[in-house]
Amino acid sequence: MAAIFAARQGARVVLLERTADGGRKILISGGGRCNILPRAIEPERFVSESPILVRRLLRTWPLVGQREFFERDLGIPLKLEEEAGKYFPVSDRARDVRDALVSAARAAGVDSRFNTRVTGLSMEAGSSDPASPAWRVETADAPIDAAAVILASGGRSVPATGSDGALFEIVRGLGHTVHPTYPALTPLVSDPPVHVGLAGISLPVRIRAKWRDREAEAQGGFLFTHRGYSGPSVLDVPHVAVQSLAAGEERAVLRVRWSELDREAWLSILEAHGGLVLSAVSRRLPGRLAERLLTESAIPLDRKASELRKTERNGLVDRLTSYELPWSGDEGFKKAEVTGGGVALDEIDTRTLESRRCPGLFLCGEILDAFGPIGGHNFAWAWATGRLAGTAAATHN
């Protein structure tokens, strides 16, 4: 996106891409379908040390403009899946999105060089005007000199797609603050896997993670895996858990409400139910999960609701509405959707995304300290910041 908009401004653009074809995160997103955009951008759900600056950057390219770009400019019709709140290409092919972006860059005159690894980046005084620095980009092949450089190198998530976080060190070496990075939107694991017997069960839940003064809450799909937990609701809260683990102190507490029913609703159901407790719970939750919750509450599976003691009823309702989820770790960057942390936003001019420390250096996308919830928000961030950086870099002088 940065290359497209820079080239369309008339700049000569060289795009350096580590992989053989580019856009590999696009290819794997949405199960190979690519959830291009969310139904609505929610800046308040982004995680960053500079939330006000995140809002400012997201406003530079509103959702309606992004949709028009893909549909009218790139010729990719989109469809909204109401329940998920996500836009997908009508073709359900992520490759169509990636290929359209590559074609648009080519049509704009971008010189794309694939299988190219950046090994260094340095700023040198321009020979004609010492106040206007020039840049040298070192690669495994040959150095490239440029008036401006855009870093759209991604973070450390899913390194198999080409983003291993190597440029974080280069940026740090240039004097930028890089907030500690960590895997975000990543599945959680439990060792030992206490819920392995529930593997494969999925259901909509509400989940909350709390550690120190940090808290995150989400609702949506929850999936028991053989190693732990995944699903949209889980992926939206693990940054709190991961940060608590990195601090080496007490771990974040995760609590799950297994249905839309609150405590009072469950108490009413159990008090009014004339049959087995298990049947009352199984009507609203998957059977294996219902059995597990009763067992953990020390309630026999053949116990009638009318025979429940108060302590048993209260214990079961606690597990139904505020279940403390046992976890020990996460799946790391290998399976993380995005990277938490990154280059401090207050060191970037949010009008242009130019570095305040290194004139002529522009940064966009996942390398910056910001990420949003699952469901297209991080693509919206990438498109908006890429467009802004490309447009500004092309007019840099």
Protein backbone atom coordinates (compact mmCIF):
# COMPACT_ATOMS: atom_id res chain seq x y z
CA MET A 1 0.00 0.00 0.00
CA ALA A 2 2.85 2.39 0.83
CA ALA A 3 4.58 1.65 -2.46
CA ILE A 4 1.39 2.10 -4.48
CA PHE A 5 0.60 5.53 -3.07
CA ALA A 6 4.21 6.73 -3.22
CA ALA A 7 4.48 5.75 -6.87
CA ARG A 8 1.14 7.32 -7.72
CA GLN A 9 2.54 10.61 -6.43
CA GLY A 10 5.21 10.38 -9.11
CA ALA A 11 8.09 9.09 -6.97
CA ARG A 12 10.50 6.46 -8.20
CA VAL A 13 9.86 3.57 -5.84
CA VAL A 14 11.90 0.44 -5.16
CA LEU A 15 10.07 -2.16 -3.06
CA LEU A 16 12.27 -4.63 -1.19
CA GLU A 17 10.47 -7.83 -0.20
CA ARG A 18 12.10 -10.65 1.69
CA THR A 19 9.87 -13.43 0.34
CA ALA A 20 9.50 -14.69 -3.22
CA ASP A 21 6.01 -13.31 -3.77
CA GLY A 22 5.02 -10.90 -0.95
CA GLY A 23 1.83 -10.46 1.03
CA ARG A 24 1.97 -13.83 2.72
CA LYS A 25 0.08 -12.63 5.78
CA ILE A 26 -2.71 -11.64 3.44
CA LEU A 27 -2.72 -15.17 2.02
CA ILE A 28 -3.16 -16.85 5.41
CA SER A 29 -5.66 -14.39 6.89
CA GLY A 30 -9.24 -15.37 7.46
CA GLY A 31 -8.50 -19.02 6.81
CA GLY A 32 -7.28 -18.19 3.31
CA ARG A 33 -10.26 -15.91 2.63
CA CYS A 34 -8.76 -12.61 3.89
CA ASN A 35 -10.98 -10.55 6.17
CA ILE A 36 -9.93 -7.29 4.50
CA LEU A 37 -11.76 -4.90 6.81
CA PRO A 38 -14.01 -4.80 9.87
CA ARG A 39 -17.62 -3.63 9.64
CA ALA A 40 -16.65 -0.67 11.82
CA ILE A 41 -13.25 0.51 13.00
CA GLU A 42 -13.09 0.67 16.80
CA PRO A 43 -10.05 2.76 17.83
CA GLU A 44 -10.86 2.31 21.51
CA ARG A 45 -10.12 -1.41 21.21
CA PHE A 46 -6.58 -0.87 19.96
CA VAL A 47 -3.72 -1.54 22.36
CA SER A 48 -0.90 1.01 22.41
CA GLU A 49 1.08 3.24 24.73
CA SER A 50 -0.32 6.17 22.67
CA PRO A 51 -4.06 5.53 22.14
CA ILE A 52 -4.80 9.14 21.14
CA LEU A 53 -2.25 8.95 18.32
CA VAL A 54 -3.75 5.65 17.16
CA ARG A 55 -7.15 7.31 16.79
CA ARG A 56 -5.60 10.17 14.87
CA LEU A 57 -3.89 7.83 12.41
CA LEU A 58 -6.96 5.68 11.84
CA ARG A 59 -8.93 8.80 10.93
CA THR A 60 -6.56 9.57 8.05
CA TRP A 61 -8.32 6.99 5.90
CA PRO A 62 -11.87 6.25 7.06
CA LEU A 63 -13.43 2.87 6.43
CA VAL A 64 -15.57 4.12 3.55
CA GLY A 65 -12.46 5.29 1.72
CA GLN A 66 -10.69 2.00 2.25
CA ARG A 67 -13.69 0.08 0.94
CA GLU A 68 -13.88 2.27 -2.14
CA PHE A 69 -10.19 1.68 -2.82
CA PHE A 70 -10.55 -2.08 -2.85
CA GLU A 71 -13.85 -2.18 -4.71
CA ARG A 72 -13.48 0.66 -7.22
CA ASP A 73 -9.74 1.02 -7.59
CA LEU A 74 -8.57 -2.57 -7.33
CA GLY A 75 -11.80 -4.12 -8.63
CA ILE A 76 -12.30 -6.45 -5.66
CA PRO A 77 -16.00 -6.57 -4.70
CA LEU A 78 -16.49 -7.07 -0.98
CA LYS A 79 -19.19 -8.77 1.05
CA LEU A 80 -20.09 -8.19 4.68
CA GLU A 81 -20.64 -11.19 6.91
CA GLU A 82 -23.04 -9.67 9.41
CA GLU A 83 -22.58 -12.11 12.27
CA ALA A 84 -18.78 -11.92 12.16
CA GLY A 85 -18.74 -8.19 11.38
CA LYS A 86 -16.06 -8.65 8.70
CA TYR A 87 -15.63 -7.80 5.04
CA PHE A 88 -14.29 -10.50 2.73
CA PRO A 89 -13.70 -10.53 -1.02
CA VAL A 90 -16.75 -11.96 -2.80
CA SER A 91 -14.46 -14.60 -4.30
CA ASP A 92 -13.42 -15.80 -0.80
CA ARG A 93 -9.85 -15.91 -2.13
CA ALA A 94 -7.12 -14.11 -0.19
CA ARG A 95 -4.86 -14.55 -3.21
CA ASP A 96 -7.09 -12.22 -5.21
CA VAL A 97 -6.41 -9.44 -2.70
CA ARG A 98 -2.67 -9.98 -2.65
CA ASP A 99 -2.43 -10.26 -6.43
CA ALA A 100 -4.49 -7.10 -6.94
CA LEU A 101 -2.18 -5.12 -4.67
CA VAL A 102 0.93 -6.45 -6.43
CA SER A 103 -0.60 -5.63 -9.82
CA ALA A 104 -1.52 -2.12 -8.68
CA ALA A 105 2.06 -1.53 -7.55
CA ARG A 106 3.39 -2.79 -10.86
CA ALA A 107 0.97 -0.60 -12.80
CA ALA A 108 2.10 2.43 -10.79
CA GLY A 109 5.70 1.76 -11.83
CA VAL A 110 7.02 0.23 -8.61
CA ASP A 111 10.30 -1.68 -9.03
CA SER A 112 9.60 -4.75 -6.86
CA ARG A 113 12.60 -6.82 -5.84
CA PHE A 114 11.64 -10.10 -4.20
CA ASN A 115 13.87 -12.49 -2.23
CA THR A 116 15.73 -9.45 -0.90
CA ARG A 117 16.81 -9.14 2.71
CA VAL A 118 17.64 -5.76 4.23
CA THR A 119 20.78 -6.05 6.36
CA GLY A 120 21.41 -2.44 7.31
CA LEU A 121 20.14 1.12 7.12
CA SER A 122 22.17 4.29 7.51
CA MET A 123 21.62 8.01 7.11
CA GLU A 124 24.24 10.06 5.31
CA ALA A 125 24.48 13.77 4.65
CA GLY A 126 23.43 14.64 1.13
CA SER A 127 26.28 15.86 -1.05
CA SER A 128 24.37 18.88 -2.33
CA ASP A 129 22.49 19.82 0.81
CA PRO A 130 23.89 18.60 4.14
CA ALA A 131 20.64 19.55 5.86
CA SER A 132 18.72 17.09 3.69
CA PRO A 133 19.99 13.60 4.53
CA ALA A 134 20.10 10.73 2.09
CA TRP A 135 19.70 7.08 3.02
CA ARG A 136 21.61 3.94 2.19
CA VAL A 137 19.82 0.61 2.41
CA GLU A 138 22.15 -2.36 2.66
CA THR A 139 20.98 -5.64 1.14
CA ALA A 140 22.60 -9.01 0.55
CA ASP A 141 23.05 -8.04 -3.10
CA ALA A 142 23.98 -4.38 -3.37
CA PRO A 143 23.29 -1.16 -1.47
CA ILE A 144 20.52 1.18 -2.58
CA ASP A 145 20.61 4.94 -2.07
CA ALA A 146 17.34 6.78 -1.52
CA ALA A 147 16.03 10.21 -0.58
CA ALA A 148 13.48 8.59 1.74
CA VAL A 149 12.90 5.14 3.21
CA ILE A 150 9.62 3.56 4.35
CA LEU A 151 9.77 0.68 6.81
CA ALA A 152 6.68 -1.50 6.37
CA SER A 153 8.47 -4.62 7.54
CA GLY A 154 5.86 -6.02 9.90
CA GLY A 155 6.61 -7.24 13.39
CA ARG A 156 7.64 -10.67 14.69
CA SER A 157 4.38 -12.59 14.31
CA VAL A 158 4.22 -15.64 12.01
CA PRO A 159 7.91 -15.40 11.00
CA ALA A 160 7.32 -18.00 8.28
CA THR A 161 5.64 -15.22 6.30
CA GLY A 162 8.84 -13.19 6.27
CA SER A 163 8.46 -10.91 9.29
CA ASP A 164 11.04 -11.92 11.89
CA GLY A 165 11.40 -8.53 13.58
CA ALA A 166 14.98 -8.00 12.39
CA LEU A 167 14.37 -4.34 11.58
CA PHE A 168 13.42 -3.55 15.18
CA GLU A 169 17.12 -3.68 16.03
CA ILE A 170 18.01 -1.49 13.07
CA VAL A 171 15.45 1.12 14.14
CA ARG A 172 16.67 0.96 17.72
CA GLY A 173 20.20 1.54 16.44
CA LEU A 174 18.99 4.71 14.75
CA GLY A 175 17.94 6.08 18.13
CA HIS A 176 14.28 5.13 18.27
CA THR A 177 12.54 3.78 21.35
CA VAL A 178 11.18 0.30 20.71
CA HIS A 179 8.71 -0.80 23.36
CA PRO A 180 9.19 -4.48 24.33
CA THR A 181 7.52 -6.72 21.79
CA TYR A 182 5.32 -9.69 22.61
CA PRO A 183 2.95 -12.06 20.79
CA ALA A 184 -0.58 -10.67 20.60
CA LEU A 185 -3.79 -12.32 19.38
CA THR A 186 -2.22 -15.69 20.06
CA PRO A 187 -3.78 -18.92 21.42
CA LEU A 188 -3.19 -19.79 25.08
CA VAL A 189 -1.93 -23.11 26.39
CA SER A 190 -2.36 -25.04 29.61
CA ASP A 191 0.39 -27.33 30.89
CA PRO A 192 -0.76 -29.85 31.90
CA PRO A 193 -3.61 -29.71 29.35
CA VAL A 194 -6.37 -30.05 31.93
CA HIS A 195 -9.12 -29.61 29.35
CA VAL A 196 -7.81 -31.95 26.67
CA GLY A 197 -10.99 -34.02 27.06
CA LEU A 198 -12.97 -31.04 25.80
CA ALA A 199 -10.83 -30.52 22.68
CA GLY A 200 -12.92 -29.62 19.67
CA ILE A 201 -15.79 -28.03 21.60
CA SER A 202 -16.59 -24.49 20.50
CA LEU A 203 -19.17 -22.04 21.80
CA PRO A 204 -19.75 -18.29 22.15
CA VAL A 205 -18.54 -16.88 25.47
CA ARG A 206 -17.54 -13.73 27.30
CA ILE A 207 -13.99 -13.69 28.61
CA ARG A 208 -12.07 -11.21 30.73
CA ALA A 209 -8.36 -10.99 31.52
CA LYS A 210 -7.07 -8.86 34.38
CA TRP A 211 -3.54 -8.15 35.60
CA ARG A 212 -2.48 -5.16 37.66
CA ASP A 213 -4.28 -2.17 36.14
CA ARG A 214 -4.56 -3.86 32.74
CA GLU A 215 -7.78 -5.45 31.70
CA ALA A 216 -9.26 -6.79 28.48
CA GLU A 217 -12.69 -8.21 27.76
CA ALA A 218 -14.09 -9.89 24.66
CA GLN A 219 -16.99 -11.97 23.49
CA GLY A 220 -17.30 -14.39 20.63
CA GLY A 221 -16.20 -17.85 19.66
CA PHE A 222 -14.18 -19.96 22.13
CA LEU A 223 -12.44 -23.20 21.14
CA PHE A 224 -10.95 -25.89 23.37
CA THR A 225 -7.78 -27.25 21.73
CA HIS A 226 -5.57 -30.20 22.64
CA ARG A 227 -3.04 -27.76 24.12
CA GLY A 228 -5.30 -25.06 25.51
CA TYR A 229 -7.69 -22.46 24.12
CA SER A 230 -8.25 -20.49 20.94
CA GLY A 231 -11.03 -18.76 19.02
CA PRO A 232 -11.79 -15.04 18.45
CA SER A 233 -12.71 -14.28 22.06
CA VAL A 234 -9.50 -15.84 23.39
CA LEU A 235 -7.30 -14.13 20.81
CA ASP A 236 -8.57 -10.70 21.84
CA VAL A 237 -7.36 -10.94 25.45
CA PRO A 238 -4.04 -12.84 25.65
CA HIS A 239 -1.88 -9.70 25.47
CA VAL A 240 -2.74 -9.10 29.12
CA ALA A 241 -1.81 -12.69 29.98
CA VAL A 242 1.40 -12.63 27.91
CA GLN A 243 2.57 -9.39 29.52
CA SER A 244 1.97 -10.76 33.01
CA LEU A 245 4.02 -13.84 32.11
CA ALA A 246 6.88 -11.70 30.80
CA ALA A 247 6.91 -9.68 34.02
CA GLY A 248 7.64 -12.85 35.97
CA GLU A 249 5.11 -11.97 38.64
CA GLU A 250 1.67 -13.32 39.41
CA ARG A 251 -0.15 -14.29 36.26
CA ALA A 252 -3.20 -12.59 34.85
CA VAL A 253 -6.53 -14.04 35.91
CA LEU A 254 -8.82 -15.11 33.06
CA ARG A 255 -12.51 -15.61 33.76
CA VAL A 256 -15.08 -17.00 31.34
CA ARG A 257 -18.86 -16.69 31.27
CA TRP A 258 -19.98 -19.69 29.26
CA SER A 259 -23.25 -18.19 28.01
CA GLU A 260 -25.20 -14.94 27.88
CA LEU A 261 -26.92 -15.92 31.13
CA ASP A 262 -25.77 -14.06 34.23
CA ARG A 263 -25.72 -15.31 37.79
CA GLU A 264 -29.33 -14.43 38.59
CA ALA A 265 -30.59 -16.09 35.42
CA TRP A 266 -28.81 -19.35 36.22
CA LEU A 267 -30.05 -19.36 39.80
CA SER A 268 -33.61 -18.94 38.54
CA ILE A 269 -33.20 -21.76 36.02
CA LEU A 270 -31.80 -24.19 38.59
CA GLU A 271 -34.44 -23.34 41.18
CA ALA A 272 -37.29 -23.80 38.69
CA HIS A 273 -35.97 -26.92 36.94
CA GLY A 274 -37.71 -30.12 37.93
CA GLY A 275 -35.26 -32.61 36.40
CA LEU A 276 -31.56 -33.34 36.57
CA VAL A 277 -29.09 -30.51 37.02
CA LEU A 278 -27.16 -31.91 34.07
CA SER A 279 -30.14 -31.60 31.74
CA ALA A 280 -30.73 -27.98 32.78
CA VAL A 281 -27.12 -27.04 32.03
CA SER A 282 -26.85 -29.17 28.87
CA ARG A 283 -29.77 -27.37 27.29
CA ARG A 284 -27.62 -24.25 27.15
CA LEU A 285 -24.05 -25.58 26.93
CA PRO A 286 -22.34 -28.46 25.08
CA GLY A 287 -22.88 -31.73 26.94
CA ARG A 288 -19.24 -32.53 27.66
CA LEU A 289 -18.65 -29.06 29.05
CA ALA A 290 -21.78 -29.30 31.22
CA GLU A 291 -20.57 -32.61 32.64
CA ARG A 292 -17.13 -31.14 33.35
CA LEU A 293 -18.56 -28.14 35.20
CA LEU A 294 -20.75 -30.37 37.36
CA THR A 295 -17.84 -32.66 38.13
CA GLU A 296 -15.64 -29.73 39.13
CA SER A 297 -18.49 -28.54 41.37
CA ALA A 298 -18.58 -31.99 43.05
CA ILE A 299 -22.19 -32.48 41.90
CA PRO A 300 -23.14 -36.06 40.88
CA LEU A 301 -24.39 -36.26 37.31
CA ASP A 302 -27.60 -37.90 38.52
CA ARG A 303 -28.38 -35.14 41.04
CA LYS A 304 -31.78 -33.47 40.64
CA ALA A 305 -31.96 -29.69 40.66
CA SER A 306 -34.42 -29.79 43.56
CA GLU A 307 -31.86 -31.72 45.63
CA LEU A 308 -29.05 -29.19 45.23
CA ARG A 309 -27.60 -27.78 48.42
CA LYS A 310 -27.04 -24.04 48.47
CA THR A 311 -23.27 -24.39 48.44
CA GLU A 312 -23.46 -26.73 45.44
CA ARG A 313 -25.77 -24.38 43.55
CA ASN A 314 -23.58 -21.37 44.24
CA GLY A 315 -20.43 -23.22 43.28
CA LEU A 316 -21.91 -24.36 39.98
CA VAL A 317 -23.24 -20.90 39.14
CA ASP A 318 -19.80 -19.45 39.88
CA ARG A 319 -18.29 -21.82 37.32
CA LEU A 320 -21.02 -21.05 34.80
CA THR A 321 -20.62 -17.28 35.01
CA SER A 322 -17.08 -16.59 36.25
CA TYR A 323 -14.95 -19.65 35.50
CA GLU A 324 -11.27 -19.16 36.23
CA LEU A 325 -9.50 -20.53 33.18
CA PRO A 326 -6.26 -22.38 33.98
CA TRP A 327 -3.43 -21.37 31.64
CA SER A 328 0.34 -21.55 31.73
CA GLY A 329 1.56 -19.89 28.54
CA ASP A 330 0.87 -19.03 24.94
CA GLU A 331 1.66 -20.25 21.44
CA GLY A 332 4.15 -17.42 20.90
CA PHE A 333 4.98 -15.51 17.74
CA LYS A 334 4.69 -18.65 15.64
CA LYS A 335 0.90 -18.46 15.82
CA ALA A 336 0.36 -14.85 16.92
CA GLU A 337 -1.82 -12.80 14.60
CA VAL A 338 0.12 -9.61 15.35
CA THR A 339 2.95 -8.18 17.41
CA GLY A 340 2.40 -6.13 20.54
CA GLY A 341 4.83 -3.33 21.34
CA GLY A 342 7.07 -1.75 18.72
CA VAL A 343 8.33 1.70 17.74
CA ALA A 344 7.01 4.43 20.04
CA LEU A 345 4.33 6.46 18.29
CA ASP A 346 5.26 9.70 20.05
CA GLU A 347 8.56 9.61 18.14
CA ILE A 348 6.66 9.66 14.83
CA ASP A 349 5.00 12.67 13.17
CA THR A 350 1.43 11.39 12.92
CA ARG A 351 0.67 13.86 10.11
CA THR A 352 3.14 12.07 7.84
CA LEU A 353 4.51 9.04 9.76
CA GLU A 354 7.99 10.48 9.36
CA SER A 355 10.46 9.79 12.14
CA ARG A 356 11.04 12.74 14.47
CA ARG A 357 14.58 11.47 15.02
CA CYS A 358 15.63 10.59 11.46
CA PRO A 359 14.38 12.88 8.66
CA GLY A 360 13.40 10.94 5.58
CA LEU A 361 12.57 7.75 7.48
CA PHE A 362 8.90 6.74 7.52
CA LEU A 363 7.35 3.88 9.49
CA CYS A 364 3.98 2.19 9.10
CA GLY A 365 2.00 -0.91 9.99
CA GLU A 366 2.91 -3.55 12.53
CA ILE A 367 6.37 -2.17 13.27
CA LEU A 368 4.63 0.62 15.19
CA ASP A 369 3.41 0.21 18.77
CA ALA A 370 -0.27 -0.48 18.10
CA PHE A 371 -2.52 -3.41 17.33
CA GLY A 372 -6.25 -3.91 17.15
CA PRO A 373 -8.68 -6.73 17.85
CA ILE A 374 -9.16 -9.67 15.55
CA GLY A 375 -11.48 -9.22 12.59
CA GLY A 376 -9.85 -6.89 10.06
CA HIS A 377 -8.79 -4.07 12.38
CA ASN A 378 -5.09 -4.75 11.87
CA PHE A 379 -5.50 -4.72 8.11
CA ALA A 380 -7.32 -1.38 8.42
CA TRP A 381 -4.33 -0.10 10.42
CA ALA A 382 -1.91 -1.41 7.80
CA TRP A 383 -3.83 0.09 4.86
CA ALA A 384 -4.28 3.50 6.53
CA THR A 385 -0.71 3.90 7.79
CA GLY A 386 0.77 2.49 4.55
CA ARG A 387 -1.18 4.99 2.45
CA LEU A 388 -0.19 7.90 4.68
CA ALA A 389 3.50 6.97 4.77
CA GLY A 390 3.66 6.40 1.02
CA THR A 391 1.97 9.67 0.16
CA ALA A 392 4.17 11.66 2.56
CA ALA A 393 7.45 9.98 1.60
CA ALA A 394 6.86 10.72 -2.08
CA THR A 395 6.73 14.44 -1.39
CA HIS A 396 9.63 14.47 1.09
CA ASN A 397 12.34 16.98 0.29
